[in-house]
Structures are given as structure tokens and as C-alpha cells.
Amino acid sequence: MLLFELDQHVEKYAATGDHAEHEKVIEIEKEIAELVKHAEELATTEEEKTEIASIGGHFEHIITGFEKASVIEEERAKLATEVLDIAGPK
């Protein structure tokens, strides 16, 4: 459920640049990170530990990509409103 919700907010942020969507993504990311950490604590075999660590790594990769895209979106919005807008900064 959390991954589906995360995906929805990422998509909304990508479409709108809405800062509230960005904050929701960060909030869900923290929840998922806590769940992964808890799962690591519960793992009883090396196979489970390895699989959970792999899931955590994939998730971190996704969040890193989102953070990079967020920076690019902020730069794009700044260029559009402060540099390219004929009326100037608002």
C-alpha cells in the first residue's frame, strides 16, 4: 500500500511540481525506511538479511533519483519564473 501511495505522490509531483506532494513523498520514504530497518532487525537467516538489504538498496536508489529530479524541477521552475518570464520575478 505504501509503495502505491508513494508512486501516486511521485507522479503528482512530477506533473505539478507541487511542494506538498514532494513533502508527502519524503514522509512516505521515511515510513518505508523504518519498515525496512525493522525487517532487518527481524531477519533470522543470512538469506533474509541479504534480501532485505537488497530491497533497502533498491529503495534508496529510487529515493536518490527522486531527490535528483526534485532539484532539477526546482531549477526549472526558478528559470521559468525568474529568468524566462518577461514580467520578471513574482
N, C-alpha and C. Protein backbone atom coordinates (compact mmCIF):
# COMPACT_ATOMS: atom_id res chain seq x y z
N MET A 1 0.82 -1.19 0.00
CA MET A 1 0.00 0.00 0.00
C MET A 1 0.87 1.26 0.00
N LEU A 2 1.89 1.27 0.84
CA LEU A 2 2.75 2.47 0.91
C LEU A 2 3.46 2.73 -0.42
N LEU A 3 3.90 1.66 -1.09
CA LEU A 3 4.60 1.86 -2.36
C LEU A 3 3.65 2.43 -3.42
N PHE A 4 2.41 1.97 -3.42
CA PHE A 4 1.42 2.52 -4.35
C PHE A 4 1.17 4.00 -4.05
N GLU A 5 1.02 4.31 -2.77
CA GLU A 5 0.80 5.70 -2.36
C GLU A 5 2.02 6.56 -2.73
N LEU A 6 3.20 6.02 -2.50
CA LEU A 6 4.43 6.73 -2.86
C LEU A 6 4.45 7.03 -4.35
N ASP A 7 4.13 6.02 -5.15
CA ASP A 7 4.13 6.19 -6.60
C ASP A 7 3.14 7.28 -7.03
N GLN A 8 1.96 7.30 -6.41
CA GLN A 8 0.97 8.32 -6.75
C GLN A 8 1.50 9.73 -6.47
N HIS A 9 2.13 9.91 -5.32
CA HIS A 9 2.64 11.24 -4.98
C HIS A 9 3.83 11.64 -5.84
N VAL A 10 4.65 10.68 -6.20
CA VAL A 10 5.77 10.98 -7.12
C VAL A 10 5.21 11.44 -8.46
N GLU A 11 4.22 10.72 -8.96
CA GLU A 11 3.61 11.09 -10.24
C GLU A 11 2.96 12.48 -10.17
N LYS A 12 2.25 12.75 -9.08
CA LYS A 12 1.61 14.07 -8.94
C LYS A 12 2.66 15.16 -8.86
N TYR A 13 3.75 14.90 -8.12
CA TYR A 13 4.81 15.91 -8.03
C TYR A 13 5.43 16.15 -9.40
N ALA A 14 5.67 15.06 -10.14
CA ALA A 14 6.27 15.20 -11.47
C ALA A 14 5.36 16.00 -12.40
N ALA A 15 4.06 15.83 -12.25
CA ALA A 15 3.11 16.53 -13.13
C ALA A 15 2.88 17.97 -12.73
N THR A 16 2.95 18.26 -11.43
CA THR A 16 2.56 19.60 -10.97
C THR A 16 3.68 20.42 -10.34
N GLY A 17 4.71 19.74 -9.82
CA GLY A 17 5.76 20.46 -9.09
C GLY A 17 5.29 20.95 -7.73
N ASP A 18 4.15 20.44 -7.28
CA ASP A 18 3.55 20.86 -6.01
C ASP A 18 4.43 20.43 -4.83
N HIS A 19 4.85 21.42 -4.05
CA HIS A 19 5.74 21.16 -2.91
C HIS A 19 5.09 20.23 -1.88
N ALA A 20 3.78 20.30 -1.72
CA ALA A 20 3.08 19.42 -0.77
C ALA A 20 3.22 17.95 -1.19
N GLU A 21 3.22 17.69 -2.48
CA GLU A 21 3.42 16.32 -2.96
C GLU A 21 4.85 15.86 -2.66
N HIS A 22 5.80 16.76 -2.82
CA HIS A 22 7.19 16.45 -2.51
C HIS A 22 7.33 16.08 -1.04
N GLU A 23 6.71 16.86 -0.18
CA GLU A 23 6.79 16.59 1.26
C GLU A 23 6.14 15.26 1.62
N LYS A 24 5.05 14.92 0.94
CA LYS A 24 4.38 13.64 1.19
C LYS A 24 5.29 12.49 0.77
N VAL A 25 5.99 12.64 -0.34
CA VAL A 25 6.93 11.60 -0.79
C VAL A 25 8.01 11.39 0.27
N ILE A 26 8.55 12.48 0.81
CA ILE A 26 9.59 12.38 1.83
C ILE A 26 9.04 11.70 3.09
N GLU A 27 7.82 12.04 3.46
CA GLU A 27 7.18 11.43 4.63
C GLU A 27 7.02 9.92 4.44
N ILE A 28 6.53 9.51 3.28
CA ILE A 28 6.34 8.08 3.00
C ILE A 28 7.69 7.38 2.93
N GLU A 29 8.68 8.05 2.37
CA GLU A 29 10.03 7.47 2.29
C GLU A 29 10.54 7.14 3.68
N LYS A 30 10.31 8.02 4.63
CA LYS A 30 10.76 7.77 6.00
C LYS A 30 10.03 6.58 6.60
N GLU A 31 8.73 6.46 6.33
CA GLU A 31 7.96 5.33 6.83
C GLU A 31 8.50 4.02 6.28
N ILE A 32 8.77 3.99 4.98
CA ILE A 32 9.27 2.77 4.35
C ILE A 32 10.66 2.44 4.87
N ALA A 33 11.50 3.44 5.04
CA ALA A 33 12.85 3.20 5.58
C ALA A 33 12.77 2.58 6.97
N GLU A 34 11.83 3.04 7.78
CA GLU A 34 11.65 2.46 9.12
C GLU A 34 11.19 1.01 9.02
N LEU A 35 10.30 0.71 8.08
CA LEU A 35 9.84 -0.66 7.90
C LEU A 35 10.97 -1.58 7.46
N VAL A 36 11.82 -1.09 6.56
CA VAL A 36 12.97 -1.88 6.10
C VAL A 36 13.91 -2.13 7.28
N LYS A 37 14.17 -1.11 8.06
CA LYS A 37 15.05 -1.25 9.22
C LYS A 37 14.47 -2.28 10.19
N HIS A 38 13.17 -2.21 10.43
CA HIS A 38 12.52 -3.15 11.34
C HIS A 38 12.62 -4.58 10.78
N ALA A 39 12.42 -4.71 9.48
CA ALA A 39 12.53 -6.03 8.84
C ALA A 39 13.94 -6.59 8.99
N GLU A 40 14.93 -5.72 8.86
CA GLU A 40 16.33 -6.17 9.05
C GLU A 40 16.55 -6.70 10.46
N GLU A 41 15.93 -6.05 11.43
CA GLU A 41 16.06 -6.50 12.82
C GLU A 41 15.38 -7.84 13.04
N LEU A 42 14.32 -8.12 12.30
CA LEU A 42 13.57 -9.37 12.46
C LEU A 42 14.16 -10.54 11.67
N ALA A 43 15.00 -10.24 10.70
CA ALA A 43 15.57 -11.29 9.85
C ALA A 43 16.34 -12.29 10.70
N THR A 44 16.13 -13.57 10.39
CA THR A 44 16.78 -14.62 11.19
C THR A 44 17.84 -15.39 10.42
N THR A 45 17.79 -15.34 9.10
CA THR A 45 18.79 -16.05 8.30
C THR A 45 19.58 -15.06 7.45
N GLU A 46 20.72 -15.51 7.00
CA GLU A 46 21.54 -14.65 6.13
C GLU A 46 20.82 -14.37 4.83
N GLU A 47 20.06 -15.34 4.34
CA GLU A 47 19.31 -15.14 3.10
C GLU A 47 18.28 -14.02 3.27
N GLU A 48 17.56 -14.03 4.38
CA GLU A 48 16.59 -12.97 4.65
C GLU A 48 17.29 -11.63 4.78
N LYS A 49 18.39 -11.59 5.50
CA LYS A 49 19.13 -10.34 5.69
C LYS A 49 19.61 -9.79 4.35
N THR A 50 20.11 -10.67 3.50
CA THR A 50 20.60 -10.25 2.19
C THR A 50 19.46 -9.71 1.32
N GLU A 51 18.33 -10.43 1.34
CA GLU A 51 17.18 -9.99 0.54
C GLU A 51 16.65 -8.66 1.02
N ILE A 52 16.54 -8.48 2.33
CA ILE A 52 16.04 -7.22 2.88
C ILE A 52 17.01 -6.08 2.57
N ALA A 53 18.31 -6.35 2.69
CA ALA A 53 19.31 -5.33 2.37
C ALA A 53 19.21 -4.93 0.89
N SER A 54 18.93 -5.91 0.03
CA SER A 54 18.78 -5.63 -1.39
C SER A 54 17.56 -4.74 -1.64
N ILE A 55 16.46 -5.06 -0.98
CA ILE A 55 15.24 -4.25 -1.11
C ILE A 55 15.53 -2.82 -0.63
N GLY A 56 16.20 -2.71 0.50
CA GLY A 56 16.56 -1.39 1.03
C GLY A 56 17.43 -0.62 0.06
N GLY A 57 18.37 -1.31 -0.57
CA GLY A 57 19.24 -0.67 -1.55
C GLY A 57 18.50 -0.17 -2.77
N HIS A 58 17.57 -0.99 -3.26
CA HIS A 58 16.76 -0.57 -4.41
C HIS A 58 15.91 0.64 -4.05
N PHE A 59 15.35 0.61 -2.86
CA PHE A 59 14.52 1.72 -2.42
C PHE A 59 15.34 3.00 -2.30
N GLU A 60 16.54 2.91 -1.73
CA GLU A 60 17.42 4.08 -1.62
C GLU A 60 17.75 4.64 -3.00
N HIS A 61 17.94 3.76 -3.96
CA HIS A 61 18.23 4.18 -5.33
C HIS A 61 17.06 4.98 -5.91
N ILE A 62 15.85 4.50 -5.65
CA ILE A 62 14.65 5.20 -6.13
C ILE A 62 14.55 6.58 -5.50
N ILE A 63 14.77 6.67 -4.20
CA ILE A 63 14.66 7.95 -3.50
C ILE A 63 15.75 8.91 -3.96
N THR A 64 16.94 8.39 -4.19
CA THR A 64 18.02 9.24 -4.70
C THR A 64 17.63 9.83 -6.05
N GLY A 65 17.03 9.03 -6.90
CA GLY A 65 16.56 9.51 -8.20
C GLY A 65 15.49 10.57 -8.04
N PHE A 66 14.58 10.35 -7.10
CA PHE A 66 13.52 11.34 -6.86
C PHE A 66 14.12 12.65 -6.37
N GLU A 67 15.09 12.57 -5.47
CA GLU A 67 15.72 13.79 -4.96
C GLU A 67 16.43 14.55 -6.07
N LYS A 68 17.12 13.83 -6.95
CA LYS A 68 17.78 14.48 -8.08
C LYS A 68 16.76 15.15 -9.00
N ALA A 69 15.66 14.44 -9.27
CA ALA A 69 14.61 15.00 -10.12
C ALA A 69 13.97 16.23 -9.45
N SER A 70 13.86 16.20 -8.13
CA SER A 70 13.29 17.34 -7.40
C SER A 70 14.16 18.58 -7.56
N VAL A 71 15.46 18.40 -7.47
CA VAL A 71 16.39 19.52 -7.64
C VAL A 71 16.26 20.09 -9.05
N ILE A 72 16.18 19.22 -10.02
CA ILE A 72 16.04 19.66 -11.41
C ILE A 72 14.73 20.42 -11.60
N GLU A 73 13.64 19.91 -11.00
CA GLU A 73 12.34 20.59 -11.11
C GLU A 73 12.40 21.97 -10.46
N GLU A 74 13.06 22.09 -9.31
CA GLU A 74 13.17 23.38 -8.64
C GLU A 74 13.96 24.36 -9.51
N GLU A 75 15.04 23.88 -10.13
CA GLU A 75 15.83 24.73 -11.01
C GLU A 75 15.03 25.15 -12.23
N ARG A 76 14.26 24.21 -12.79
CA ARG A 76 13.43 24.52 -13.96
C ARG A 76 12.39 25.58 -13.60
N ALA A 77 11.74 25.42 -12.47
CA ALA A 77 10.72 26.38 -12.05
C ALA A 77 11.34 27.76 -11.81
N LYS A 78 12.51 27.77 -11.22
CA LYS A 78 13.19 29.05 -10.97
C LYS A 78 13.54 29.73 -12.29
N LEU A 79 14.06 28.97 -13.23
CA LEU A 79 14.38 29.54 -14.54
C LEU A 79 13.12 30.07 -15.23
N ALA A 80 12.05 29.32 -15.14
CA ALA A 80 10.81 29.72 -15.81
C ALA A 80 10.22 30.99 -15.21
N THR A 81 10.31 31.14 -13.90
CA THR A 81 9.66 32.29 -13.27
C THR A 81 10.59 33.48 -13.07
N GLU A 82 11.87 33.22 -12.88
CA GLU A 82 12.78 34.33 -12.57
C GLU A 82 13.64 34.77 -13.74
N VAL A 83 13.86 33.88 -14.69
CA VAL A 83 14.76 34.22 -15.80
C VAL A 83 14.00 34.40 -17.11
N LEU A 84 13.14 33.45 -17.42
CA LEU A 84 12.48 33.46 -18.73
C LEU A 84 11.18 34.25 -18.75
N ASP A 85 10.57 34.49 -17.62
CA ASP A 85 9.30 35.21 -17.54
C ASP A 85 9.53 36.69 -17.84
N ILE A 86 8.90 37.20 -18.87
CA ILE A 86 9.06 38.60 -19.27
C ILE A 86 8.66 39.56 -18.15
N ALA A 87 7.68 39.19 -17.36
CA ALA A 87 7.21 40.07 -16.29
C ALA A 87 8.21 40.10 -15.13
N GLY A 88 9.16 39.19 -15.11
CA GLY A 88 10.16 39.15 -14.04
C GLY A 88 9.68 38.33 -12.86
N PRO A 89 10.48 38.30 -11.82
CA PRO A 89 10.13 37.51 -10.63
C PRO A 89 8.81 37.98 -10.02
N LYS A 90 8.09 37.03 -9.47
CA LYS A 90 6.79 37.37 -8.87
C LYS A 90 6.92 37.49 -7.39
